[in-house]
C-alpha atoms as a PDB file:
ATOM      1  CA  MET A   1     156.350  51.153 261.842  1.00  0.00           C
ATOM      2  CA  VAL A   2     155.961  54.057 259.389  1.00  0.00           C
ATOM      3  CA  ARG A   3     156.089  57.481 261.083  1.00  0.00           C
ATOM      4  CA  VAL A   4     154.226  60.429 259.558  1.00  0.00           C
ATOM      5  CA  TYR A   5     154.090  63.966 260.821  1.00  0.00           C
ATOM      6  CA  LEU A   6     150.850  65.727 260.008  1.00  0.00           C
ATOM      7  CA  VAL A   7     151.754  69.403 259.631  1.00  0.00           C
ATOM      8  CA  PRO A   8     149.021  72.031 259.686  1.00  0.00           C
ATOM      9  CA  LEU A   9     149.428  74.510 256.847  1.00  0.00           C
ATOM     10  CA  THR A  10     146.485  76.472 258.223  1.00  0.00           C
ATOM     11  CA  ALA A  11     144.818  76.445 261.614  1.00  0.00           C
ATOM     12  CA  ALA A  12     141.260  76.407 260.249  1.00  0.00           C
ATOM     13  CA  GLY A  13     140.010  73.274 258.558  1.00  0.00           C
ATOM     14  CA  PHE A  14     142.566  70.914 260.072  1.00  0.00           C
ATOM     15  CA  LEU A  15     143.522  71.471 263.689  1.00  0.00           C
ATOM     16  CA  GLU A  16     139.965  70.956 264.903  1.00  0.00           C
ATOM     17  CA  TYR A  17     139.871  67.549 263.088  1.00  0.00           C
ATOM     18  CA  VAL A  18     143.469  66.322 263.377  1.00  0.00           C
ATOM     19  CA  ASP A  19     142.772  63.615 265.948  1.00  0.00           C
ATOM     20  CA  THR A  20     139.879  62.132 263.993  1.00  0.00           C
ATOM     21  CA  ILE A  21     141.829  62.289 260.687  1.00  0.00           C
ATOM     22  CA  SER A  22     144.884  60.720 262.348  1.00  0.00           C
ATOM     23  CA  SER A  23     142.744  57.810 263.611  1.00  0.00           C
ATOM     24  CA  LEU A  24     141.117  57.296 260.151  1.00  0.00           C
ATOM     25  CA  VAL A  25     144.542  57.321 258.428  1.00  0.00           C
ATOM     26  CA  GLU A  26     146.064  54.858 260.920  1.00  0.00           C
ATOM     27  CA  ASP A  27     142.970  52.617 260.400  1.00  0.00           C
ATOM     28  CA  SER A  28     143.428  52.604 256.624  1.00  0.00           C
ATOM     29  CA  PHE A  29     147.041  51.497 256.958  1.00  0.00           C
ATOM     30  CA  THR A  30     146.288  48.931 259.658  1.00  0.00           C
ATOM     31  CA  SER A  31     143.632  47.413 257.364  1.00  0.00           C
ATOM     32  CA  ALA A  32     146.332  47.037 254.715  1.00  0.00           C
ATOM     33  CA  GLY A  33     148.588  45.302 257.206  1.00  0.00           C
ATOM     34  CA  VAL A  34     151.005  48.256 257.632  1.00  0.00           C
ATOM     35  CA  GLY A  35     151.710  49.910 260.961  1.00  0.00           C
ATOM     36  CA  LEU A  36     151.622  53.673 260.881  1.00  0.00           C
ATOM     37  CA  GLU A  37     152.016  56.224 263.643  1.00  0.00           C
ATOM     38  CA  ALA A  38     150.730  59.717 262.933  1.00  0.00           C
ATOM     39  CA  TYR A  39     152.085  62.618 264.967  1.00  0.00           C
ATOM     40  CA  LYS A  40     150.731  66.148 264.977  1.00  0.00           C
ATOM     41  CA  TRP A  41     153.325  68.837 264.201  1.00  0.00           C
ATOM     42  CA  PRO A  42     153.314  71.318 267.115  1.00  0.00           C
ATOM     43  CA  GLU A  43     152.790  74.505 265.077  1.00  0.00           C
ATOM     44  CA  VAL A  44     151.189  75.851 261.904  1.00  0.00           C
ATOM     45  CA  VAL A  45     153.671  75.980 259.013  1.00  0.00           C
ATOM     46  CA  LYS A  46     152.029  78.562 256.740  1.00  0.00           C
ATOM     47  CA  PRO A  47     153.278  78.638 253.152  1.00  0.00           C
ATOM     48  CA  SER A  48     155.005  81.836 252.140  1.00  0.00           C
ATOM     49  CA  LEU A  49     153.494  84.228 249.609  1.00  0.00           C
ATOM     50  CA  LYS A  50     156.353  83.221 247.303  1.00  0.00           C
ATOM     51  CA  CYS A  51     154.250  80.103 246.660  1.00  0.00           C
ATOM     52  CA  TYR A  52     151.098  82.060 245.920  1.00  0.00           C
ATOM     53  CA  ASP A  53     150.029  82.760 242.287  1.00  0.00           C
ATOM     54  CA  TRP A  54     148.140  86.060 242.534  1.00  0.00           C
ATOM     55  CA  GLY A  55     146.897  85.701 238.980  1.00  0.00           C
ATOM     56  CA  ARG A  56     145.157  82.381 239.676  1.00  0.00           C
ATOM     57  CA  MET A  57     144.481  83.060 243.415  1.00  0.00           C
ATOM     58  CA  GLN A  58     145.938  79.595 244.168  1.00  0.00           C
ATOM     59  CA  TYR A  59     149.072  78.221 245.739  1.00  0.00           C
ATOM     60  CA  ILE A  60     151.620  76.386 243.566  1.00  0.00           C
ATOM     61  CA  ALA A  61     151.577  72.896 245.108  1.00  0.00           C
ATOM     62  CA  SER A  62     155.190  71.969 244.363  1.00  0.00           C
ATOM     63  CA  CYS A  63     156.452  75.209 246.002  1.00  0.00           C
ATOM     64  CA  VAL A  64     154.400  74.462 249.128  1.00  0.00           C
ATOM     65  CA  VAL A  65     155.812  70.918 249.339  1.00  0.00           C
ATOM     66  CA  GLU A  66     159.359  72.209 248.789  1.00  0.00           C
ATOM     67  CA  GLU A  67     158.954  74.794 251.641  1.00  0.00           C
ATOM     68  CA  LEU A  68     157.449  72.144 253.888  1.00  0.00           C
ATOM     69  CA  TYR A  69     160.397  69.831 253.162  1.00  0.00           C
ATOM     70  CA  LYS A  70     162.917  72.543 254.129  1.00  0.00           C
ATOM     71  CA  LYS A  71     161.074  73.253 257.395  1.00  0.00           C
ATOM     72  CA  THR A  72     160.430  69.632 258.550  1.00  0.00           C
ATOM     73  CA  SER A  73     163.044  67.295 257.031  1.00  0.00           C
ATOM     74  CA  THR A  74     165.709  67.614 259.659  1.00  0.00           C
ATOM     75  CA  LEU A  75     163.606  66.471 262.620  1.00  0.00           C
ATOM     76  CA  ASP A  76     163.246  62.805 261.641  1.00  0.00           C
ATOM     77  CA  PRO A  77     165.105  61.736 258.473  1.00  0.00           C
ATOM     78  CA  GLU A  78     163.232  58.394 258.472  1.00  0.00           C
ATOM     79  CA  GLY A  79     159.790  59.926 258.938  1.00  0.00           C
ATOM     80  CA  TYR A  80     157.419  61.434 256.407  1.00  0.00           C
ATOM     81  CA  SER A  81     155.963  64.898 256.476  1.00  0.00           C
ATOM     82  CA  LEU A  82     152.489  65.647 255.157  1.00  0.00           C
ATOM     83  CA  GLY A  83     151.091  69.174 255.302  1.00  0.00           C
ATOM     84  CA  VAL A  84     147.275  69.722 255.420  1.00  0.00           C
ATOM     85  CA  GLY A  85     145.634  73.109 254.991  1.00  0.00           C
ATOM     86  CA  MET A  86     142.502  74.809 253.837  1.00  0.00           C
ATOM     87  CA  LEU A  87     144.178  76.113 250.727  1.00  0.00           C
ATOM     88  CA  ASP A  88     143.537  75.896 247.008  1.00  0.00           C
ATOM     89  CA  ALA A  89     146.508  74.769 244.932  1.00  0.00           C
ATOM     90  CA  TYR A  90     147.445  73.795 241.403  1.00  0.00           C
ATOM     91  CA  GLU A  91     150.256  72.380 239.350  1.00  0.00           C
ATOM     92  CA  PRO A  92     151.127  73.629 235.838  1.00  0.00           C
ATOM     93  CA  GLY A  93     148.769  72.018 233.357  1.00  0.00           C
ATOM     94  CA  LEU A  94     146.060  71.343 235.976  1.00  0.00           C
ATOM     95  CA  ASN A  95     143.237  73.551 237.179  1.00  0.00           C
ATOM     96  CA  PHE A  96     143.736  72.337 240.735  1.00  0.00           C
ATOM     97  CA  VAL A  97     145.140  69.483 242.810  1.00  0.00           C
ATOM     98  CA  PHE A  98     143.789  67.953 246.034  1.00  0.00           C
ATOM     99  CA  GLY A  99     147.320  66.931 246.947  1.00  0.00           C
ATOM    100  CA  LEU A 100     150.890  66.453 245.786  1.00  0.00           C
ATOM    101  CA  ALA A 101     153.542  64.010 246.956  1.00  0.00           C
ATOM    102  CA  VAL A 102     157.277  64.129 246.316  1.00  0.00           C
ATOM    103  CA  PRO A 103     158.519  60.641 247.379  1.00  0.00           C
ATOM    104  CA  ALA A 104     162.209  61.578 246.966  1.00  0.00           C
ATOM    105  CA  LYS A 105     161.716  64.179 249.696  1.00  0.00           C
ATOM    106  CA  LYS A 106     159.312  62.109 251.821  1.00  0.00           C
ATOM    107  CA  THR A 107     157.053  65.143 251.794  1.00  0.00           C
ATOM    108  CA  ALA A 108     153.511  65.735 250.574  1.00  0.00           C
ATOM    109  CA  ALA A 109     150.630  68.205 251.028  1.00  0.00           C
ATOM    110  CA  VAL A 110     146.844  67.986 250.903  1.00  0.00           C
ATOM    111  CA  PHE A 111     144.865  71.090 249.964  1.00  0.00           C
ATOM    112  CA  THR A 112     141.367  70.931 251.438  1.00  0.00           C
ATOM    113  CA  LYS A 113     139.540  74.047 250.187  1.00  0.00           C
ATOM    114  CA  ARG A 114     137.801  72.117 247.367  1.00  0.00           C
ATOM    115  CA  LEU A 115     137.001  69.212 249.696  1.00  0.00           C
ATOM    116  CA  ARG A 116     134.469  71.366 251.618  1.00  0.00           C
ATOM    117  CA  GLU A 117     130.846  71.339 250.625  1.00  0.00           C
ATOM    118  CA  GLU A 118     130.722  75.113 251.149  1.00  0.00           C
ATOM    119  CA  TYR A 119     133.121  75.558 248.224  1.00  0.00           C
ATOM    120  CA  TYR A 120     130.290  74.355 245.937  1.00  0.00           C
ATOM    121  CA  GLY A 121     127.620  76.479 247.586  1.00  0.00           C
ATOM    122  CA  LYS A 122     126.222  73.628 249.717  1.00  0.00           C
ATOM    123  CA  PRO A 123     125.685  73.454 253.503  1.00  0.00           C
ATOM    124  CA  ALA A 124     128.656  72.299 255.569  1.00  0.00           C
ATOM    125  CA  ARG A 125     128.976  68.596 256.137  1.00  0.00           C
ATOM    126  CA  TYR A 126     131.827  68.077 258.593  1.00  0.00           C
ATOM    127  CA  ASP A 127     131.581  64.255 258.523  1.00  0.00           C
ATOM    128  CA  LEU A 128     131.954  64.297 254.751  1.00  0.00           C
ATOM    129  CA  TYR A 129     134.786  66.827 254.913  1.00  0.00           C
ATOM    130  CA  VAL A 130     136.821  64.801 257.430  1.00  0.00           C
ATOM    131  CA  GLU A 131     136.269  61.589 255.374  1.00  0.00           C
ATOM    132  CA  ARG A 132     137.413  63.365 252.211  1.00  0.00           C
ATOM    133  CA  VAL A 133     140.519  64.822 253.870  1.00  0.00           C
ATOM    134  CA  ALA A 134     141.406  61.423 255.358  1.00  0.00           C
ATOM    135  CA  LYS A 135     141.144  59.789 251.881  1.00  0.00           C
ATOM    136  CA  GLU A 136     143.423  62.331 250.363  1.00  0.00           C
ATOM    137  CA  VAL A 137     145.973  62.046 253.213  1.00  0.00           C
ATOM    138  CA  VAL A 138     145.979  58.259 252.810  1.00  0.00           C
ATOM    139  CA  HIS A 139     146.274  58.682 249.027  1.00  0.00           C
ATOM    140  CA  GLU A 140     149.307  61.016 249.266  1.00  0.00           C
ATOM    141  CA  LEU A 141     151.005  58.828 251.892  1.00  0.00           C
ATOM    142  CA  GLY A 142     150.524  55.908 249.464  1.00  0.00           C
ATOM    143  CA  HIS A 143     152.451  57.907 246.869  1.00  0.00           C
ATOM    144  CA  LEU A 144     155.204  58.736 249.399  1.00  0.00           C
ATOM    145  CA  LEU A 145     155.597  55.032 250.115  1.00  0.00           C
ATOM    146  CA  GLY A 146     155.932  54.289 246.374  1.00  0.00           C
ATOM    147  CA  LEU A 147     152.411  53.466 245.160  1.00  0.00           C
ATOM    148  CA  GLN A 148     151.077  54.806 241.818  1.00  0.00           C
ATOM    149  CA  HIS A 149     147.532  55.544 240.789  1.00  0.00           C
ATOM    150  CA  CYS A 150     145.287  52.522 240.731  1.00  0.00           C
ATOM    151  CA  GLY A 151     142.630  51.592 238.119  1.00  0.00           C
ATOM    152  CA  ASP A 152     140.248  50.295 240.736  1.00  0.00           C
ATOM    153  CA  ARG A 153     137.897  53.256 241.230  1.00  0.00           C
ATOM    154  CA  LYS A 154     137.080  52.143 244.820  1.00  0.00           C
ATOM    155  CA  CYS A 155     140.749  52.012 245.871  1.00  0.00           C
ATOM    156  CA  VAL A 156     142.042  55.006 247.776  1.00  0.00           C
ATOM    157  CA  MET A 157     144.903  55.187 245.229  1.00  0.00           C
ATOM    158  CA  SER A 158     142.566  55.898 242.350  1.00  0.00           C
ATOM    159  CA  PHE A 159     143.032  59.345 240.770  1.00  0.00           C
ATOM    160  CA  SER A 160     140.385  61.888 241.725  1.00  0.00           C
ATOM    161  CA  ASN A 161     139.688  64.825 239.487  1.00  0.00           C
ATOM    162  CA  SER A 162     136.580  65.942 241.425  1.00  0.00           C
ATOM    163  CA  VAL A 163     134.927  65.559 244.815  1.00  0.00           C
ATOM    164  CA  VAL A 164     132.477  63.150 243.168  1.00  0.00           C
ATOM    165  CA  GLU A 165     135.408  60.812 242.483  1.00  0.00           C
ATOM    166  CA  VAL A 166     136.784  61.326 246.039  1.00  0.00           C
ATOM    167  CA  ASP A 167     133.379  60.431 247.440  1.00  0.00           C
ATOM    168  CA  TYR A 168     133.134  57.350 245.211  1.00  0.00           C
ATOM    169  CA  LYS A 169     136.392  55.774 246.336  1.00  0.00           C
ATOM    170  CA  THR A 170     136.906  54.341 249.800  1.00  0.00           C
ATOM    171  CA  ARG A 171     139.738  55.300 252.139  1.00  0.00           C
ATOM    172  CA  PHE A 172     141.144  51.772 251.910  1.00  0.00           C
ATOM    173  CA  PHE A 173     143.666  50.158 249.639  1.00  0.00           C
ATOM    174  CA  CYS A 174     142.504  47.481 247.206  1.00  0.00           C
ATOM    175  CA  GLU A 175     144.092  44.029 247.606  1.00  0.00           C
ATOM    176  CA  LYS A 176     146.733  44.725 244.908  1.00  0.00           C
ATOM    177  CA  CYS A 177     147.726  48.051 246.406  1.00  0.00           C
ATOM    178  CA  ALA A 178     147.669  46.692 249.984  1.00  0.00           C
ATOM    179  CA  ALA A 179     150.053  43.879 248.960  1.00  0.00           C
ATOM    180  CA  ALA A 180     152.409  46.341 247.199  1.00  0.00           C
ATOM    181  CA  LEU A 181     152.235  48.686 250.195  1.00  0.00           C
ATOM    182  CA  LYS A 182     153.176  45.894 252.611  1.00  0.00           C
ATOM    183  CA  THR A 183     156.233  45.102 250.468  1.00  0.00           C
ATOM    184  CA  MET A 184     157.253  48.766 250.171  1.00  0.00           C
ATOM    185  CA  ALA A 185     156.730  49.421 253.893  1.00  0.00           C
ATOM    186  CA  SER A 186     158.787  46.341 254.876  1.00  0.00           C
ATOM    187  CA  HIS A 187     161.564  47.529 252.516  1.00  0.00           C
ATOM    188  CA  HIS A 188     161.334  50.970 254.208  1.00  0.00           C
ATOM    189  CA  MET A 189     161.539  49.435 257.648  1.00  0.00           C
ATOM    190  CA  SER A 190     164.590  47.290 256.717  1.00  0.00           C
ATOM    191  CA  ARG A 191     166.408  50.427 255.527  1.00  0.00           C
ATOM    192  CA  THR A 192     165.688  52.258 258.794  1.00  0.00           C
ATOM    193  CA  LYS A 193     167.051  49.564 261.167  1.00  0.00           C
END
């Protein structure tokens, strides 16, 4: 069983949906034949201002992931940590990122500010927001377990450069990625026994 700790990076935009998002994420992995248990981290782990780029008014994704790793990695060395927060983040060379995974550190983050309809001047759609966040959490967990981007545009592992692409893909793994995920998860489980 893969254990993941969902860590709130902000209270707003995640805590009120964490139970629904956890269920959707577990369902995506179960559909791929991989057992996953999602646990809610007990407190908000807000990124420090050291990670904030005032010139761009965005967080630096790799800095946020590094800080998250330092704060969560000692609790369960075999578990994975994934931070979720209503933040906007980027990586050098990119205007923004929805998420970033660092498999070597078993740590990832999903930045949800651009997943909200309100960001684009549209009325709030909480059902759509929760589905988008769940897709990006599943995507980053796929990376943590060793999957790369997939060419199947419906696969949750396809690269998304806009919310249109996030909406187009499903929150499920294609057959090829599901098979690879099962192999990687069983390898992970054999190492943890």
